[in-house]
Protein backbone atom coordinates (compact mmCIF):
# COMPACT_ATOMS: atom_id res chain seq x y z
CA MET A 1 -107.29 106.92 -2.57
CA ASN A 2 -108.95 110.19 -3.46
CA LYS A 3 -108.75 110.30 -7.27
CA LYS A 4 -109.62 114.00 -7.47
CA LEU A 5 -106.82 114.77 -5.05
CA ALA A 6 -104.36 112.57 -6.95
CA LYS A 7 -105.26 114.36 -10.17
CA ALA A 8 -104.86 117.77 -8.50
CA LEU A 9 -101.42 116.81 -7.16
CA ASP A 10 -100.24 116.00 -10.68
CA ARG A 11 -97.81 118.72 -11.77
CA SER A 12 -99.71 119.28 -15.01
CA SER A 13 -102.99 120.11 -13.23
CA ASN A 14 -102.02 123.72 -12.39
CA LYS A 15 -104.03 123.54 -9.15
CA THR A 16 -103.10 125.94 -6.39
CA LEU A 17 -102.19 124.69 -2.95
CA ALA A 18 -105.44 126.16 -1.62
CA GLN A 19 -107.39 124.14 -4.19
CA ILE A 20 -105.51 121.01 -3.15
CA ALA A 21 -106.20 121.72 0.54
CA PHE A 22 -109.91 122.04 -0.29
CA LEU A 23 -109.94 118.49 -1.69
CA ILE A 24 -108.56 116.96 1.52
CA ARG A 25 -111.40 115.31 3.41
CA SER A 26 -109.73 112.72 5.61
CA ALA A 27 -106.50 111.78 7.33
CA GLU A 28 -105.80 109.43 4.40
CA ASP A 29 -106.17 112.32 1.93
CA TYR A 30 -103.87 114.51 4.00
CA GLN A 31 -101.29 111.73 4.18
CA GLN A 32 -101.57 111.26 0.41
CA ALA A 33 -100.74 114.95 -0.15
CA VAL A 34 -97.87 114.92 2.36
CA ASP A 35 -96.42 111.77 0.81
CA HIS A 36 -96.65 113.36 -2.63
CA TYR A 37 -94.66 116.41 -1.55
CA ARG A 38 -92.09 114.29 0.30
CA ASN A 39 -91.61 112.12 -2.79
CA GLU A 40 -91.17 115.22 -4.94
CA MET A 41 -88.50 116.54 -2.58
CA LYS A 42 -86.67 113.18 -2.66
CA ARG A 43 -86.92 112.94 -6.43
CA LEU A 44 -85.63 116.43 -7.20
CA SER A 45 -82.25 117.94 -6.44
CA PRO A 46 -82.35 120.42 -3.51
CA GLN A 47 -81.00 123.14 -5.81
CA THR A 48 -83.96 122.98 -8.21
CA THR A 49 -87.00 125.20 -8.16
CA GLY A 50 -89.28 122.14 -8.14
CA HIS A 51 -87.71 120.88 -4.92
CA GLN A 52 -88.09 124.27 -3.29
CA ILE A 53 -91.74 124.52 -4.35
CA ALA A 54 -92.49 121.01 -3.03
CA HIS A 55 -90.80 121.93 0.26
CA GLU A 56 -92.84 125.14 0.57
CA ASP A 57 -96.08 123.34 -0.32
CA HIS A 58 -95.32 120.61 2.23
CA ASN A 59 -94.81 123.24 4.93
CA LEU A 60 -97.75 125.48 3.95
CA LEU A 61 -100.40 122.78 3.49
CA PRO A 62 -101.39 122.63 7.19
CA VAL A 63 -101.69 126.43 7.27
CA LEU A 64 -104.34 126.29 4.56
CA MET A 65 -106.37 123.75 6.49
CA THR A 66 -108.81 126.24 7.99
CA GLY A 67 -112.03 125.80 9.88
CA TYR A 68 -113.15 122.22 10.30
CA LYS A 69 -110.04 120.97 8.50
CA GLU A 70 -107.71 122.70 10.95
CA LYS A 71 -109.62 121.13 13.83
CA PHE A 72 -109.50 117.78 12.02
CA ILE A 73 -105.74 118.03 11.53
CA LEU A 74 -105.13 118.97 15.15
CA GLN A 75 -107.27 116.09 16.40
CA THR A 76 -105.83 113.57 13.97
CA PHE A 77 -102.14 114.37 14.29
């Protein structure tokens, strides 16, 4: 587990999604981030802002994977 990524995913870290995407270095890291956002969506009511933000982050994360990361994502998944 990537501890820096786990710390960045913590709601109190105030990290942007781009900063989180930068910390992803492997398929395991990417899966860790995706699982985090999925768990947030399950935990929160669909009517809450937190759920909507987690849903948007989950959908936008692959878009922020540019350059070698985009190639990595396409090859891995």
